[in-house]
Amino acid sequence: MSHDLTSMIDEINLASTNLSKSSKTAESDPLSQIVRVLNAHLGQLQQIDVGAEQLRQKVESAQKEVRGFGGRGVSDEGVEGFMRSLRR
């Protein structure tokens, strides 16, 4: 058991050494550049997702408001309220 643990530690140390050597050339590594670009894109997509969810909630709220007017006919207040909710 201790031999397995020792060999695992040696492998981890070797991998760590290799990573620190390769990190010096990471700036010029095309794969690293691609990963950085993809990570930036992922961050932007996550922000878009959050914004889309907020917009969905506002639309849902506006729809509930409009349904609340019921048989009283169409009113401009529903549209005005919806526009105010978008400006918040």
PDB file of N, CA and C in Angstrom:
ATOM      1  N   MET A   1       0.824  -1.189   0.000  1.00  0.00           N
ATOM      2  CA  MET A   1       0.000   0.000   0.000  1.00  0.00           C
ATOM      3  C   MET A   1       0.869   1.253   0.000  1.00  0.00           C
ATOM      4  N   SER A   2       1.904   1.299   0.845  1.00  0.00           N
ATOM      5  CA  SER A   2       2.766   2.481   0.906  1.00  0.00           C
ATOM      6  C   SER A   2       3.551   2.638  -0.390  1.00  0.00           C
ATOM      7  N   HIS A   3       3.862   1.508  -1.058  1.00  0.00           N
ATOM      8  CA  HIS A   3       4.563   1.587  -2.339  1.00  0.00           C
ATOM      9  C   HIS A   3       3.667   2.248  -3.384  1.00  0.00           C
ATOM     10  N   ASP A   4       2.376   1.881  -3.394  1.00  0.00           N
ATOM     11  CA  ASP A   4       1.435   2.492  -4.328  1.00  0.00           C
ATOM     12  C   ASP A   4       1.302   3.986  -4.069  1.00  0.00           C
ATOM     13  N   LEU A   5       1.225   4.348  -2.796  1.00  0.00           N
ATOM     14  CA  LEU A   5       1.101   5.757  -2.441  1.00  0.00           C
ATOM     15  C   LEU A   5       2.352   6.526  -2.847  1.00  0.00           C
ATOM     16  N   THR A   6       3.508   5.937  -2.632  1.00  0.00           N
ATOM     17  CA  THR A   6       4.767   6.583  -3.014  1.00  0.00           C
ATOM     18  C   THR A   6       4.847   6.766  -4.522  1.00  0.00           C
ATOM     19  N   SER A   7       4.453   5.746  -5.267  1.00  0.00           N
ATOM     20  CA  SER A   7       4.514   5.870  -6.726  1.00  0.00           C
ATOM     21  C   SER A   7       3.502   6.897  -7.227  1.00  0.00           C
ATOM     22  N   MET A   8       2.345   6.982  -6.570  1.00  0.00           N
ATOM     23  CA  MET A   8       1.362   7.996  -6.966  1.00  0.00           C
ATOM     24  C   MET A   8       1.897   9.400  -6.702  1.00  0.00           C
ATOM     25  N   ILE A   9       2.539   9.585  -5.568  1.00  0.00           N
ATOM     26  CA  ILE A   9       3.119  10.896  -5.243  1.00  0.00           C
ATOM     27  C   ILE A   9       4.196  11.256  -6.249  1.00  0.00           C
ATOM     28  N   ASP A  10       5.027  10.273  -6.604  1.00  0.00           N
ATOM     29  CA  ASP A  10       6.072  10.523  -7.606  1.00  0.00           C
ATOM     30  C   ASP A  10       5.462  10.925  -8.947  1.00  0.00           C
ATOM     31  N   GLU A  11       4.392  10.250  -9.342  1.00  0.00           N
ATOM     32  CA  GLU A  11       3.733  10.583 -10.612  1.00  0.00           C
ATOM     33  C   GLU A  11       3.131  11.985 -10.574  1.00  0.00           C
ATOM     34  N   ILE A  12       2.524  12.329  -9.446  1.00  0.00           N
ATOM     35  CA  ILE A  12       1.939  13.668  -9.312  1.00  0.00           C
ATOM     36  C   ILE A  12       3.028  14.729  -9.354  1.00  0.00           C
ATOM     37  N   ASN A  13       4.128  14.470  -8.674  1.00  0.00           N
ATOM     38  CA  ASN A  13       5.236  15.426  -8.695  1.00  0.00           C
ATOM     39  C   ASN A  13       5.798  15.587 -10.099  1.00  0.00           C
ATOM     40  N   LEU A  14       5.916  14.485 -10.832  1.00  0.00           N
ATOM     41  CA  LEU A  14       6.418  14.542 -12.205  1.00  0.00           C
ATOM     42  C   LEU A  14       5.458  15.334 -13.087  1.00  0.00           C
ATOM     43  N   ALA A  15       4.171  15.075 -12.939  1.00  0.00           N
ATOM     44  CA  ALA A  15       3.177  15.809 -13.734  1.00  0.00           C
ATOM     45  C   ALA A  15       3.206  17.291 -13.395  1.00  0.00           C
ATOM     46  N   SER A  16       3.354  17.602 -12.123  1.00  0.00           N
ATOM     47  CA  SER A  16       3.416  19.004 -11.699  1.00  0.00           C
ATOM     48  C   SER A  16       4.641  19.698 -12.278  1.00  0.00           C
ATOM     49  N   THR A  17       5.761  19.005 -12.286  1.00  0.00           N
ATOM     50  CA  THR A  17       6.985  19.567 -12.862  1.00  0.00           C
ATOM     51  C   THR A  17       6.807  19.815 -14.350  1.00  0.00           C
ATOM     52  N   ASN A  18       6.215  18.847 -15.039  1.00  0.00           N
ATOM     53  CA  ASN A  18       5.980  19.009 -16.476  1.00  0.00           C
ATOM     54  C   ASN A  18       5.041  20.181 -16.759  1.00  0.00           C
ATOM     55  N   LEU A  19       4.025  20.336 -15.924  1.00  0.00           N
ATOM     56  CA  LEU A  19       3.081  21.441 -16.116  1.00  0.00           C
ATOM     57  C   LEU A  19       3.754  22.784 -15.895  1.00  0.00           C
ATOM     58  N   SER A  20       4.590  22.885 -14.864  1.00  0.00           N
ATOM     59  CA  SER A  20       5.236  24.174 -14.627  1.00  0.00           C
ATOM     60  C   SER A  20       6.244  24.502 -15.720  1.00  0.00           C
ATOM     61  N   LYS A  21       6.864  23.489 -16.301  1.00  0.00           N
ATOM     62  CA  LYS A  21       7.771  23.744 -17.427  1.00  0.00           C
ATOM     63  C   LYS A  21       6.986  24.202 -18.645  1.00  0.00           C
ATOM     64  N   SER A  22       5.841  23.565 -18.883  1.00  0.00           N
ATOM     65  CA  SER A  22       5.059  23.901 -20.070  1.00  0.00           C
ATOM     66  C   SER A  22       4.303  25.210 -19.899  1.00  0.00           C
ATOM     67  N   SER A  23       4.067  25.643 -18.665  1.00  0.00           N
ATOM     68  CA  SER A  23       3.321  26.888 -18.464  1.00  0.00           C
ATOM     69  C   SER A  23       4.125  28.095 -18.925  1.00  0.00           C
ATOM     70  N   LYS A  24       5.441  27.954 -18.993  1.00  0.00           N
ATOM     71  CA  LYS A  24       6.271  29.060 -19.469  1.00  0.00           C
ATOM     72  C   LYS A  24       6.038  29.308 -20.954  1.00  0.00           C
ATOM     73  N   THR A  25       5.681  28.266 -21.677  1.00  0.00           N
ATOM     74  CA  THR A  25       5.440  28.414 -23.114  1.00  0.00           C
ATOM     75  C   THR A  25       3.950  28.467 -23.436  1.00  0.00           C
ATOM     76  N   ALA A  26       3.118  28.551 -22.394  1.00  0.00           N
ATOM     77  CA  ALA A  26       1.668  28.543 -22.606  1.00  0.00           C
ATOM     78  C   ALA A  26       1.199  29.749 -23.406  1.00  0.00           C
ATOM     79  N   GLU A  27       1.899  30.861 -23.294  1.00  0.00           N
ATOM     80  CA  GLU A  27       1.511  32.066 -24.025  1.00  0.00           C
ATOM     81  C   GLU A  27       1.558  31.844 -25.526  1.00  0.00           C
ATOM     82  N   SER A  28       2.517  31.068 -25.978  1.00  0.00           N
ATOM     83  CA  SER A  28       2.657  30.859 -27.417  1.00  0.00           C
ATOM     84  C   SER A  28       1.987  29.568 -27.886  1.00  0.00           C
ATOM     85  N   ASP A  29       1.452  28.809 -26.957  1.00  0.00           N
ATOM     86  CA  ASP A  29       0.804  27.544 -27.303  1.00  0.00           C
ATOM     87  C   ASP A  29      -0.568  27.820 -27.917  1.00  0.00           C
ATOM     88  N   PRO A  30      -0.793  27.393 -29.164  1.00  0.00           N
ATOM     89  CA  PRO A  30      -2.087  27.654 -29.810  1.00  0.00           C
ATOM     90  C   PRO A  30      -3.266  27.049 -29.049  1.00  0.00           C
ATOM     91  N   LEU A  31      -3.069  25.887 -28.466  1.00  0.00           N
ATOM     92  CA  LEU A  31      -4.153  25.256 -27.720  1.00  0.00           C
ATOM     93  C   LEU A  31      -4.532  26.097 -26.499  1.00  0.00           C
ATOM     94  N   SER A  32      -3.553  26.637 -25.818  1.00  0.00           N
ATOM     95  CA  SER A  32      -3.830  27.500 -24.663  1.00  0.00           C
ATOM     96  C   SER A  32      -4.578  28.750 -25.086  1.00  0.00           C
ATOM     97  N   GLN A  33      -4.208  29.294 -26.228  1.00  0.00           N
ATOM     98  CA  GLN A  33      -4.900  30.481 -26.735  1.00  0.00           C
ATOM     99  C   GLN A  33      -6.356  30.153 -27.052  1.00  0.00           C
ATOM    100  N   ILE A  34      -6.582  29.000 -27.659  1.00  0.00           N
ATOM    101  CA  ILE A  34      -7.949  28.577 -27.985  1.00  0.00           C
ATOM    102  C   ILE A  34      -8.760  28.400 -26.708  1.00  0.00           C
ATOM    103  N   VAL A  35      -8.159  27.791 -25.696  1.00  0.00           N
ATOM    104  CA  VAL A  35      -8.855  27.577 -24.429  1.00  0.00           C
ATOM    105  C   VAL A  35      -9.222  28.915 -23.794  1.00  0.00           C
ATOM    106  N   ARG A  36      -8.319  29.891 -23.833  1.00  0.00           N
ATOM    107  CA  ARG A  36      -8.616  31.213 -23.271  1.00  0.00           C
ATOM    108  C   ARG A  36      -9.784  31.866 -24.008  1.00  0.00           C
ATOM    109  N   VAL A  37      -9.787  31.765 -25.337  1.00  0.00           N
ATOM    110  CA  VAL A  37     -10.880  32.350 -26.123  1.00  0.00           C
ATOM    111  C   VAL A  37     -12.198  31.657 -25.796  1.00  0.00           C
ATOM    112  N   LEU A  38     -12.172  30.331 -25.731  1.00  0.00           N
ATOM    113  CA  LEU A  38     -13.396  29.589 -25.425  1.00  0.00           C
ATOM    114  C   LEU A  38     -13.905  29.907 -24.019  1.00  0.00           C
ATOM    115  N   ASN A  39     -12.998  30.071 -23.069  1.00  0.00           N
ATOM    116  CA  ASN A  39     -13.412  30.438 -21.713  1.00  0.00           C
ATOM    117  C   ASN A  39     -14.057  31.817 -21.694  1.00  0.00           C
ATOM    118  N   ALA A  40     -13.504  32.746 -22.465  1.00  0.00           N
ATOM    119  CA  ALA A  40     -14.098  34.083 -22.551  1.00  0.00           C
ATOM    120  C   ALA A  40     -15.492  34.003 -23.169  1.00  0.00           C
ATOM    121  N   HIS A  41     -15.631  33.194 -24.204  1.00  0.00           N
ATOM    122  CA  HIS A  41     -16.941  33.028 -24.843  1.00  0.00           C
ATOM    123  C   HIS A  41     -17.936  32.396 -23.878  1.00  0.00           C
ATOM    124  N   LEU A  42     -17.485  31.419 -23.116  1.00  0.00           N
ATOM    125  CA  LEU A  42     -18.361  30.774 -22.142  1.00  0.00           C
ATOM    126  C   LEU A  42     -18.861  31.789 -21.119  1.00  0.00           C
ATOM    127  N   GLY A  43     -17.973  32.646 -20.659  1.00  0.00           N
ATOM    128  CA  GLY A  43     -18.376  33.686 -19.712  1.00  0.00           C
ATOM    129  C   GLY A  43     -19.444  34.598 -20.292  1.00  0.00           C
ATOM    130  N   GLN A  44     -19.270  34.992 -21.542  1.00  0.00           N
ATOM    131  CA  GLN A  44     -20.260  35.851 -22.198  1.00  0.00           C
ATOM    132  C   GLN A  44     -21.592  35.122 -22.370  1.00  0.00           C
ATOM    133  N   LEU A  45     -21.537  33.851 -22.746  1.00  0.00           N
ATOM    134  CA  LEU A  45     -22.770  33.074 -22.910  1.00  0.00           C
ATOM    135  C   LEU A  45     -23.513  32.929 -21.580  1.00  0.00           C
ATOM    136  N   GLN A  46     -22.771  32.796 -20.498  1.00  0.00           N
ATOM    137  CA  GLN A  46     -23.407  32.694 -19.190  1.00  0.00           C
ATOM    138  C   GLN A  46     -24.098  34.007 -18.825  1.00  0.00           C
ATOM    139  N   GLN A  47     -23.472  35.136 -19.172  1.00  0.00           N
ATOM    140  CA  GLN A  47     -24.106  36.433 -18.919  1.00  0.00           C
ATOM    141  C   GLN A  47     -25.369  36.590 -19.759  1.00  0.00           C
ATOM    142  N   ILE A  48     -25.312  36.152 -20.997  1.00  0.00           N
ATOM    143  CA  ILE A  48     -26.488  36.208 -21.870  1.00  0.00           C
ATOM    144  C   ILE A  48     -27.605  35.349 -21.288  1.00  0.00           C
ATOM    145  N   ASP A  49     -27.252  34.184 -20.776  1.00  0.00           N
ATOM    146  CA  ASP A  49     -28.242  33.286 -20.180  1.00  0.00           C
ATOM    147  C   ASP A  49     -28.924  33.940 -18.982  1.00  0.00           C
ATOM    148  N   VAL A  50     -28.147  34.608 -18.145  1.00  0.00           N
ATOM    149  CA  VAL A  50     -28.715  35.301 -16.986  1.00  0.00           C
ATOM    150  C   VAL A  50     -29.660  36.405 -17.455  1.00  0.00           C
ATOM    151  N   GLY A  51     -29.232  37.179 -18.454  1.00  0.00           N
ATOM    152  CA  GLY A  51     -30.081  38.243 -18.990  1.00  0.00           C
ATOM    153  C   GLY A  51     -31.358  37.706 -19.603  1.00  0.00           C
ATOM    154  N   ALA A  52     -31.258  36.593 -20.299  1.00  0.00           N
ATOM    155  CA  ALA A  52     -32.441  35.987 -20.911  1.00  0.00           C
ATOM    156  C   ALA A  52     -33.419  35.516 -19.843  1.00  0.00           C
ATOM    157  N   GLU A  53     -32.908  34.974 -18.761  1.00  0.00           N
ATOM    158  CA  GLU A  53     -33.775  34.524 -17.672  1.00  0.00           C
ATOM    159  C   GLU A  53     -34.474  35.719 -17.025  1.00  0.00           C
ATOM    160  N   GLN A  54     -33.751  36.812 -16.829  1.00  0.00           N
ATOM    161  CA  GLN A  54     -34.367  38.010 -16.253  1.00  0.00           C
ATOM    162  C   GLN A  54     -35.467  38.543 -17.171  1.00  0.00           C
ATOM    163  N   LEU A  55     -35.200  38.553 -18.457  1.00  0.00           N
ATOM    164  CA  LEU A  55     -36.199  39.020 -19.421  1.00  0.00           C
ATOM    165  C   LEU A  55     -37.418  38.103 -19.426  1.00  0.00           C
ATOM    166  N   ARG A  56     -37.193  36.790 -19.345  1.00  0.00           N
ATOM    167  CA  ARG A  56     -38.301  35.839 -19.304  1.00  0.00           C
ATOM    168  C   ARG A  56     -39.190  36.111 -18.098  1.00  0.00           C
ATOM    169  N   GLN A  57     -38.566  36.381 -16.958  1.00  0.00           N
ATOM    170  CA  GLN A  57     -39.338  36.655 -15.750  1.00  0.00           C
ATOM    171  C   GLN A  57     -40.157  37.936 -15.894  1.00  0.00           C
ATOM    172  N   LYS A  58     -39.581  38.951 -16.514  1.00  0.00           N
ATOM    173  CA  LYS A  58     -40.311  40.208 -16.719  1.00  0.00           C
ATOM    174  C   LYS A  58     -41.489  40.011 -17.665  1.00  0.00           C
ATOM    175  N   VAL A  59     -41.277  39.248 -18.720  1.00  0.00           N
ATOM    176  CA  VAL A  59     -42.367  38.980 -19.667  1.00  0.00           C
ATOM    177  C   VAL A  59     -43.472  38.195 -18.972  1.00  0.00           C
ATOM    178  N   GLU A  60     -43.085  37.210 -18.183  1.00  0.00           N
ATOM    179  CA  GLU A  60     -44.071  36.415 -17.450  1.00  0.00           C
ATOM    180  C   GLU A  60     -44.870  37.297 -16.495  1.00  0.00           C
ATOM    181  N   SER A  61     -44.191  38.191 -15.817  1.00  0.00           N
ATOM    182  CA  SER A  61     -44.860  39.116 -14.906  1.00  0.00           C
ATOM    183  C   SER A  61     -45.830  40.020 -15.662  1.00  0.00           C
ATOM    184  N   ALA A  62     -45.405  40.509 -16.804  1.00  0.00           N
ATOM    185  CA  ALA A  62     -46.266  41.376 -17.616  1.00  0.00           C
ATOM    186  C   ALA A  62     -47.485  40.610 -18.113  1.00  0.00           C
ATOM    187  N   GLN A  63     -47.292  39.364 -18.488  1.00  0.00           N
ATOM    188  CA  GLN A  63     -48.421  38.557 -18.948  1.00  0.00           C
ATOM    189  C   GLN A  63     -49.432  38.349 -17.825  1.00  0.00           C
ATOM    190  N   LYS A  64     -48.940  38.131 -16.615  1.00  0.00           N
ATOM    191  CA  LYS A  64     -49.839  37.965 -15.471  1.00  0.00           C
ATOM    192  C   LYS A  64     -50.604  39.259 -15.213  1.00  0.00           C
ATOM    193  N   GLU A  65     -49.911  40.387 -15.354  1.00  0.00           N
ATOM    194  CA  GLU A  65     -50.557  41.683 -15.166  1.00  0.00           C
ATOM    195  C   GLU A  65     -51.682  41.880 -16.173  1.00  0.00           C
ATOM    196  N   VAL A  66     -51.409  41.551 -17.422  1.00  0.00           N
ATOM    197  CA  VAL A  66     -52.403  41.717 -18.480  1.00  0.00           C
ATOM    198  C   VAL A  66     -53.589  40.804 -18.231  1.00  0.00           C
ATOM    199  N   ARG A  67     -53.337  39.581 -17.788  1.00  0.00           N
ATOM    200  CA  ARG A  67     -54.433  38.654 -17.483  1.00  0.00           C
ATOM    201  C   ARG A  67     -55.294  39.192 -16.342  1.00  0.00           C
ATOM    202  N   GLY A  68     -54.672  39.965 -15.453  1.00  0.00           N
ATOM    203  CA  GLY A  68     -55.389  40.538 -14.318  1.00  0.00           C
ATOM    204  C   GLY A  68     -56.421  41.561 -14.738  1.00  0.00           C
ATOM    205  N   PHE A  69     -56.285  42.121 -15.916  1.00  0.00           N
ATOM    206  CA  PHE A  69     -57.262  43.093 -16.398  1.00  0.00           C
ATOM    207  C   PHE A  69     -58.555  42.401 -16.793  1.00  0.00           C
ATOM    208  N   GLY A  70     -58.476  41.118 -17.091  1.00  0.00           N
ATOM    209  CA  GLY A  70     -59.646  40.299 -17.369  1.00  0.00           C
ATOM    210  C   GLY A  70     -60.568  40.873 -18.424  1.00  0.00           C
ATOM    211  N   GLY A  71     -61.846  40.958 -18.089  1.00  0.00           N
ATOM    212  CA  GLY A  71     -62.853  41.392 -19.043  1.00  0.00           C
ATOM    213  C   GLY A  71     -62.993  42.900 -19.136  1.00  0.00           C
ATOM    214  N   ARG A  72     -62.118  43.639 -18.472  1.00  0.00           N
ATOM    215  CA  ARG A  72     -62.242  45.092 -18.496  1.00  0.00           C
ATOM    216  C   ARG A  72     -61.746  45.697 -19.792  1.00  0.00           C
ATOM    217  N   GLY A  73     -61.335  44.864 -20.711  1.00  0.00           N
ATOM    218  CA  GLY A  73     -60.850  45.388 -21.985  1.00  0.00           C
ATOM    219  C   GLY A  73     -59.358  45.649 -21.940  1.00  0.00           C
ATOM    220  N   VAL A  74     -58.849  46.033 -23.059  1.00  0.00           N
ATOM    221  CA  VAL A  74     -57.418  46.289 -23.175  1.00  0.00           C
ATOM    222  C   VAL A  74     -57.133  47.676 -22.636  1.00  0.00           C
ATOM    223  N   SER A  75     -56.108  47.778 -21.850  1.00  0.00           N
ATOM    224  CA  SER A  75     -55.741  49.059 -21.261  1.00  0.00           C
ATOM    225  C   SER A  75     -54.289  49.361 -21.566  1.00  0.00           C
ATOM    226  N   ASP A  76     -53.990  50.627 -21.699  1.00  0.00           N
ATOM    227  CA  ASP A  76     -52.601  51.028 -21.930  1.00  0.00           C
ATOM    228  C   ASP A  76     -51.761  50.860 -20.676  1.00  0.00           C
ATOM    229  N   GLU A  77     -52.403  50.733 -19.509  1.00  0.00           N
ATOM    230  CA  GLU A  77     -51.650  50.581 -18.274  1.00  0.00           C
ATOM    231  C   GLU A  77     -50.791  49.321 -18.290  1.00  0.00           C
ATOM    232  N   GLY A  78     -51.268  48.261 -18.892  1.00  0.00           N
ATOM    233  CA  GLY A  78     -50.486  47.026 -18.966  1.00  0.00           C
ATOM    234  C   GLY A  78     -49.213  47.221 -19.748  1.00  0.00           C
ATOM    235  N   VAL A  79     -49.318  47.903 -20.856  1.00  0.00           N
ATOM    236  CA  VAL A  79     -48.142  48.171 -21.682  1.00  0.00           C
ATOM    237  C   VAL A  79     -47.197  49.100 -20.945  1.00  0.00           C
ATOM    238  N   GLU A  80     -47.756  50.131 -20.303  1.00  0.00           N
ATOM    239  CA  GLU A  80     -46.930  51.084 -19.551  1.00  0.00           C
ATOM    240  C   GLU A  80     -46.188  50.373 -18.413  1.00  0.00           C
ATOM    241  N   GLY A  81     -46.913  49.507 -17.704  1.00  0.00           N
ATOM    242  CA  GLY A  81     -46.284  48.769 -16.611  1.00  0.00           C
ATOM    243  C   GLY A  81     -45.181  47.854 -17.099  1.00  0.00           C
ATOM    244  N   PHE A  82     -45.416  47.238 -18.232  1.00  0.00           N
ATOM    245  CA  PHE A  82     -44.393  46.366 -18.807  1.00  0.00           C
ATOM    246  C   PHE A  82     -43.153  47.175 -19.175  1.00  0.00           C
ATOM    247  N   MET A  83     -43.351  48.330 -19.778  1.00  0.00           N
ATOM    248  CA  MET A  83     -42.207  49.158 -20.163  1.00  0.00           C
ATOM    249  C   MET A  83     -41.459  49.646 -18.927  1.00  0.00           C
ATOM    250  N   ARG A  84     -42.202  49.981 -17.865  1.00  0.00           N
ATOM    251  CA  ARG A  84     -41.536  50.399 -16.625  1.00  0.00           C
ATOM    252  C   ARG A  84     -40.712  49.254 -16.050  1.00  0.00           C
ATOM    253  N   SER A  85     -41.218  48.030 -16.134  1.00  0.00           N
ATOM    254  CA  SER A  85     -40.478  46.891 -15.585  1.00  0.00           C
ATOM    255  C   SER A  85     -39.192  46.643 -16.362  1.00  0.00           C
ATOM    256  N   LEU A  86     -39.188  46.968 -17.633  1.00  0.00           N
ATOM    257  CA  LEU A  86     -37.969  46.795 -18.424  1.00  0.00           C
ATOM    258  C   LEU A  86     -36.915  47.821 -18.055  1.00  0.00           C
ATOM    259  N   ARG A  87     -37.350  48.980 -17.618  1.00  0.00           N
ATOM    260  CA  ARG A  87     -36.406  50.059 -17.289  1.00  0.00           C
ATOM    261  C   ARG A  87     -35.785  49.881 -15.916  1.00  0.00           C
ATOM    262  N   ARG A  88     -36.310  48.987 -15.104  1.00  0.00           N
ATOM    263  CA  ARG A  88     -35.784  48.801 -13.738  1.00  0.00           C
ATOM    264  C   ARG A  88     -34.429  48.207 -13.743  1.00  0.00           C
TER     265      ARG A  88
END
